[in-house]
Protein backbone atom coordinates (compact mmCIF):
# COMPACT_ATOMS: atom_id res chain seq x y z
CA MET A 1 24.14 86.88 -7.61
CA GLU A 2 21.10 84.77 -6.83
CA ARG A 3 18.73 84.25 -9.69
CA ARG A 4 15.87 85.80 -7.81
CA GLN A 5 17.76 89.09 -8.09
CA TYR A 6 17.85 89.00 -11.90
CA LEU A 7 14.38 90.50 -12.04
CA ALA A 8 15.59 93.78 -10.56
CA ALA A 9 18.97 93.80 -12.27
CA ALA A 10 17.81 93.04 -15.79
CA ALA A 11 14.82 95.35 -16.12
CA ALA A 12 15.58 98.54 -18.01
CA GLY A 13 15.60 101.57 -15.76
CA GLY A 14 16.69 99.67 -12.66
CA ALA A 15 14.93 99.69 -9.33
CA ILE A 16 12.83 102.81 -8.98
CA GLY A 17 11.39 102.30 -5.52
CA VAL A 18 10.79 99.93 -2.66
CA GLY A 19 7.42 101.13 -1.49
CA GLY A 20 4.11 99.33 -1.57
CA VAL A 21 1.76 98.97 -4.48
CA GLY A 22 -1.53 100.34 -3.27
CA GLY A 23 -5.21 99.76 -3.65
CA TYR A 24 -5.51 96.63 -5.74
CA VAL A 25 -9.04 95.41 -6.29
CA ILE A 26 -9.48 91.84 -7.50
CA LEU A 27 -12.91 91.23 -8.98
CA SER A 28 -14.55 87.84 -8.82
CA ASP A 29 -18.01 86.68 -9.76
CA ASP A 30 -19.37 87.03 -6.23
CA VAL A 31 -18.29 90.62 -5.55
CA GLY A 32 -21.70 91.96 -6.56
CA PHE A 33 -20.64 95.14 -8.35
CA GLY A 34 -18.51 96.19 -11.31
CA PRO A 35 -17.64 93.98 -14.27
CA SER A 36 -17.47 90.24 -13.79
CA GLY A 37 -14.01 88.92 -13.02
CA VAL A 38 -12.23 86.00 -14.64
CA PRO A 39 -10.98 83.77 -11.79
CA THR A 40 -7.83 82.40 -13.40
CA ALA A 41 -5.06 83.27 -10.93
CA PRO A 42 -3.91 80.25 -8.85
CA TYR A 43 -2.82 82.26 -5.79
CA PRO A 44 -3.63 82.33 -2.92
CA PRO A 45 -2.87 79.97 -1.27
CA TYR A 46 0.79 80.91 -1.54
CA PRO A 47 3.32 78.05 -1.32
CA THR A 48 6.04 77.76 1.28
CA VAL A 49 9.54 78.59 0.08
CA ASP A 50 10.39 74.89 -0.32
CA GLY A 51 7.08 74.05 -1.99
CA ASP A 52 6.10 71.49 0.66
CA GLY A 53 2.82 73.18 1.52
CA ALA A 54 1.05 76.52 1.82
CA ILE A 55 1.87 79.39 4.15
CA GLU A 56 -0.59 80.15 6.91
CA SER A 57 -2.61 83.33 6.59
CA LEU A 58 -3.89 85.63 9.33
CA SER A 59 -7.60 86.52 9.29
CA LEU A 60 -8.78 89.77 10.86
CA SER A 61 -12.18 91.45 11.04
CA GLY A 62 -13.95 94.38 12.60
CA SER A 63 -16.46 97.18 12.12
CA GLY A 64 -15.62 100.81 11.53
CA GLN A 65 -12.37 102.30 12.77
CA ALA A 66 -10.17 99.83 14.66
CA THR A 67 -6.58 98.78 15.31
CA THR A 68 -5.78 95.10 15.61
CA ASP A 69 -3.53 93.34 18.08
CA SER A 70 0.08 93.07 16.96
CA PHE A 71 1.27 90.19 14.81
CA ALA A 72 4.65 89.14 13.45
CA LEU A 73 5.88 89.26 9.86
CA THR A 74 8.94 87.04 9.62
CA ARG A 75 9.60 86.35 5.93
CA GLU A 76 11.71 88.32 3.44
CA GLY A 77 9.14 88.47 0.63
CA PRO A 78 6.19 90.82 0.11
CA THR A 79 3.25 91.16 2.45
CA ILE A 80 0.01 90.62 0.54
CA ILE A 81 -3.21 91.77 2.18
CA ASP A 82 -6.76 91.08 1.01
CA THR A 83 -9.36 93.51 2.34
CA ASP A 84 -13.12 93.34 1.96
CA ALA A 85 -15.53 96.16 2.72
CA GLY A 86 -18.29 95.13 0.35
CA ASP A 87 -21.04 96.68 2.48
CA ALA A 88 -19.48 100.14 2.57
CA ASP A 89 -21.62 103.08 1.53
CA ALA A 90 -20.96 104.66 -1.84
CA GLY A 91 -18.68 107.63 -1.40
CA GLU A 92 -17.47 106.53 2.04
CA ARG A 93 -13.71 106.28 2.40
CA PHE A 94 -11.99 103.06 3.50
CA LEU A 95 -8.41 103.71 4.63
CA VAL A 96 -6.15 100.98 5.99
CA THR A 97 -2.48 101.12 6.97
CA LEU A 98 0.03 98.65 8.36
CA VAL A 99 1.77 100.17 11.39
CA SER A 100 5.04 99.05 12.95
CA ALA A 101 4.51 98.17 16.61
CA THR A 102 8.15 99.11 17.23
CA ASP A 103 8.62 102.58 15.76
CA GLY A 104 5.22 103.57 14.34
CA THR A 105 6.26 103.50 10.67
CA GLU A 106 3.15 103.29 8.48
CA TYR A 107 2.63 101.54 5.16
CA ARG A 108 -0.54 102.39 3.28
CA VAL A 109 -2.48 99.25 2.44
CA ILE A 110 -5.52 100.67 0.69
CA GLU A 111 -7.50 103.89 0.35
CA VAL A 112 -10.66 103.78 -1.75
CA LEU A 113 -14.22 105.09 -1.88
CA GLY A 114 -17.27 102.86 -1.76
CA PRO A 115 -17.70 99.07 -1.55
CA PHE A 116 -14.93 96.83 -2.86
CA THR A 117 -12.91 93.68 -2.44
CA GLY A 118 -9.20 94.41 -2.69
CA ARG A 119 -5.75 92.87 -2.80
CA ASN A 120 -2.66 94.85 -1.93
CA LEU A 121 1.08 94.20 -1.98
CA ILE A 122 3.40 96.12 0.34
CA ASN A 123 7.01 95.67 1.35
CA PRO A 124 7.64 96.15 5.09
CA PRO A 125 10.70 94.59 6.76
CA PRO A 126 10.19 91.69 9.18
CA GLY A 127 8.87 92.80 12.55
CA GLU A 128 5.79 93.29 14.71
CA TYR A 129 2.86 95.14 13.13
CA ARG A 130 -0.75 96.16 13.65
CA LEU A 131 -3.41 96.69 11.01
CA ALA A 132 -5.01 100.11 11.47
CA VAL A 133 -8.40 100.75 9.86
CA LYS A 134 -8.43 104.55 10.03
CA GLN A 135 -11.63 105.21 8.10
CA ALA A 136 -14.51 102.79 7.56
CA SER A 137 -18.29 102.93 7.42
CA ALA A 138 -19.14 99.22 7.65
CA ASP A 139 -17.91 95.79 8.63
CA TRP A 140 -14.61 94.73 7.11
CA THR A 141 -12.34 91.71 6.89
CA ALA A 142 -8.65 91.40 6.10
CA THR A 143 -6.40 88.44 5.33
CA VAL A 144 -2.65 88.89 5.71
CA TYR A 145 -0.17 86.72 3.79
CA ASP A 146 3.47 86.85 4.94
CA VAL A 147 4.95 85.59 1.65
CA PRO A 148 8.47 84.17 1.22
CA ALA A 149 11.03 85.59 -1.20
CA TYR A 150 10.84 82.74 -3.70
CA ASP A 151 14.13 81.68 -5.27
CA ILE A 152 14.21 80.13 -8.73
CA ASP A 153 16.98 77.80 -7.52
CA SER A 154 14.82 76.37 -4.72
CA GLU A 155 12.52 73.36 -4.95
CA VAL A 156 9.31 75.36 -5.18
CA GLU A 157 7.35 74.81 -8.40
CA LEU A 158 5.17 77.79 -9.27
CA GLU A 159 2.06 77.48 -11.41
CA LEU A 160 2.52 80.73 -13.34
CA GLU A 161 5.17 81.19 -16.03
CA PRO A 162 5.25 82.97 -19.40
CA PRO A 163 3.23 83.13 -21.52
CA VAL A 164 0.79 84.68 -19.04
CA ALA A 165 -2.56 86.17 -20.09
CA PHE A 166 -5.29 87.51 -17.82
CA ASN A 167 -8.36 89.65 -18.23
CA ASP A 168 -10.26 91.16 -15.34
CA GLY A 169 -11.56 94.49 -14.06
CA LEU A 170 -10.11 97.23 -11.86
CA ASP A 171 -6.79 96.66 -10.05
CA ALA A 172 -4.93 93.39 -9.48
CA VAL A 173 -1.71 91.81 -8.23
CA LEU A 174 -0.71 88.67 -10.14
CA GLY A 175 1.96 86.24 -9.02
CA PRO A 176 4.31 84.87 -8.04
CA ILE A 177 5.34 84.33 -11.66
CA ASP A 178 8.35 82.18 -12.56
CA PHE A 179 10.01 83.99 -15.47
CA GLY A 180 12.74 81.32 -15.62
CA ALA A 181 16.17 82.06 -17.06
CA GLN A 182 16.74 85.63 -18.18
CA GLN A 183 14.92 86.25 -21.46
CA PRO A 184 13.19 89.13 -23.28
CA ILE A 185 9.55 89.35 -22.19
CA GLU A 186 6.96 91.56 -23.85
CA PHE A 187 4.47 93.12 -21.43
CA SER A 188 1.22 94.61 -22.72
CA LEU A 189 -1.86 96.04 -21.05
CA SER A 190 -5.04 96.83 -22.99
CA VAL A 191 -7.78 98.72 -21.16
CA ASP A 192 -11.30 99.98 -21.88
CA THR A 193 -12.07 103.72 -21.64
CA ASP A 194 -9.62 104.63 -18.89
CA ASP A 195 -7.19 107.54 -19.11
CA ASP A 196 -5.16 106.59 -16.04
CA TYR A 197 -3.59 103.14 -15.75
CA ASN A 198 -0.29 101.52 -14.79
CA LEU A 199 1.45 98.15 -14.98
CA SER A 200 4.25 97.54 -12.46
CA LEU A 201 6.92 94.84 -12.28
CA ILE A 202 7.77 93.71 -8.74
CA ASP A 203 10.55 91.35 -7.67
CA SER A 204 10.28 88.35 -5.34
CA ASN A 205 11.31 90.47 -2.35
CA GLY A 206 8.33 92.77 -2.90
CA GLU A 207 10.35 95.70 -4.29
CA GLN A 208 8.97 97.60 -7.26
CA VAL A 209 11.37 97.19 -10.17
CA GLU A 210 9.75 99.43 -12.75
CA LEU A 211 6.51 101.01 -13.87
CA LEU A 212 6.41 99.28 -17.24
CA ILE A 213 3.33 101.04 -18.54
CA GLN A 214 2.27 104.52 -17.37
CA SER A 215 -0.57 106.20 -19.19
CA ILE A 216 0.05 109.51 -17.41
CA VAL A 217 3.34 109.93 -19.30
CA GLY A 218 2.07 108.38 -22.53
CA GLN A 219 3.96 105.09 -22.16
CA THR A 220 1.15 102.75 -23.22
CA ASP A 221 2.71 100.60 -25.95
CA PRO A 222 3.93 97.05 -25.20
CA GLN A 223 7.29 97.04 -23.41
CA VAL A 224 10.08 94.47 -23.78
CA ARG A 225 12.42 93.83 -20.86
CA ALA A 226 15.08 91.18 -20.20
CA VAL A 227 13.62 89.44 -17.16
CA GLY A 228 14.55 86.35 -15.19
CA GLY A 229 13.69 84.94 -11.81
CA ILE A 230 10.45 85.25 -9.86
CA GLY A 231 8.23 88.28 -9.51
CA TYR A 232 4.77 89.83 -9.63
CA LEU A 233 2.75 92.08 -11.94
CA ALA A 234 0.48 94.79 -10.59
CA VAL A 235 -2.31 96.41 -12.61
CA ASP A 236 -3.76 99.76 -11.53
CA THR A 237 -6.83 100.87 -13.48
CA ASN A 238 -10.54 101.67 -13.07
CA THR A 239 -11.85 99.60 -15.95
CA THR A 240 -11.65 96.16 -17.52
CA TRP A 241 -8.33 95.10 -18.96
CA THR A 242 -6.29 92.39 -20.67
CA LEU A 243 -2.72 91.71 -19.56
CA ARG A 244 -0.12 89.67 -21.42
CA ALA A 245 3.46 88.74 -20.51
CA GLU A 246 5.05 86.49 -23.11
CA PRO A 247 8.48 85.77 -24.60
CA ALA A 248 9.30 88.40 -27.20
CA ASP A 249 9.95 87.49 -30.82
CA ASP A 250 12.97 89.80 -30.73
CA THR A 251 15.66 87.99 -28.71
CA GLU A 252 17.69 91.13 -28.08
CA SER A 253 17.66 92.13 -24.40
């Protein structure tokens, strides 16, 4: 078994889905609304699988409803898409999907109300795709990153590894994170005045491993999982938050 697979195999509960993680909003100081972000994440740019450089991104733009020309996704890792509709009217819906140019399969990228800047992680197979902006009230831009499935045994050196601590506002996708050899990691998410929030663990292929923290079912305490390899963390909340992922004092897996 390749080490990059440890992330899925070692997490309690096993793999619970392979769909996308939707609607992630990354705040930064120049967004112009909401709480100020803390720009601490080193990615993008995302490195090539051998660490010799950065992958090329695809920049798209338009106004209102539109469907782009087709483009190829060739790598085995997640597809990460930044979208910006900062001039959207309050209450107006912005709905974006990724559509297979071969069979029409759709993957929801983001669906939100009002102005925002967002980052989204989805998991389509390699192929030809179009970005479909199905609802929009203003100009928009999108940046598509066709990310490799990073392998801990390769030569790539990632900048993020436990202990990891971030604080920001609204939703976020953090990674890739090099968890190293399999070890117990404690994951915690503290939020301000929000009754609905999640923290997801995602492997290097872009598959969701587990919803570690789910407020809707009352699972809000720190969670310890035996994790190794490379993966991502996804926060889904409507408020400011603090996230930590650090080696647990208890060495039992």
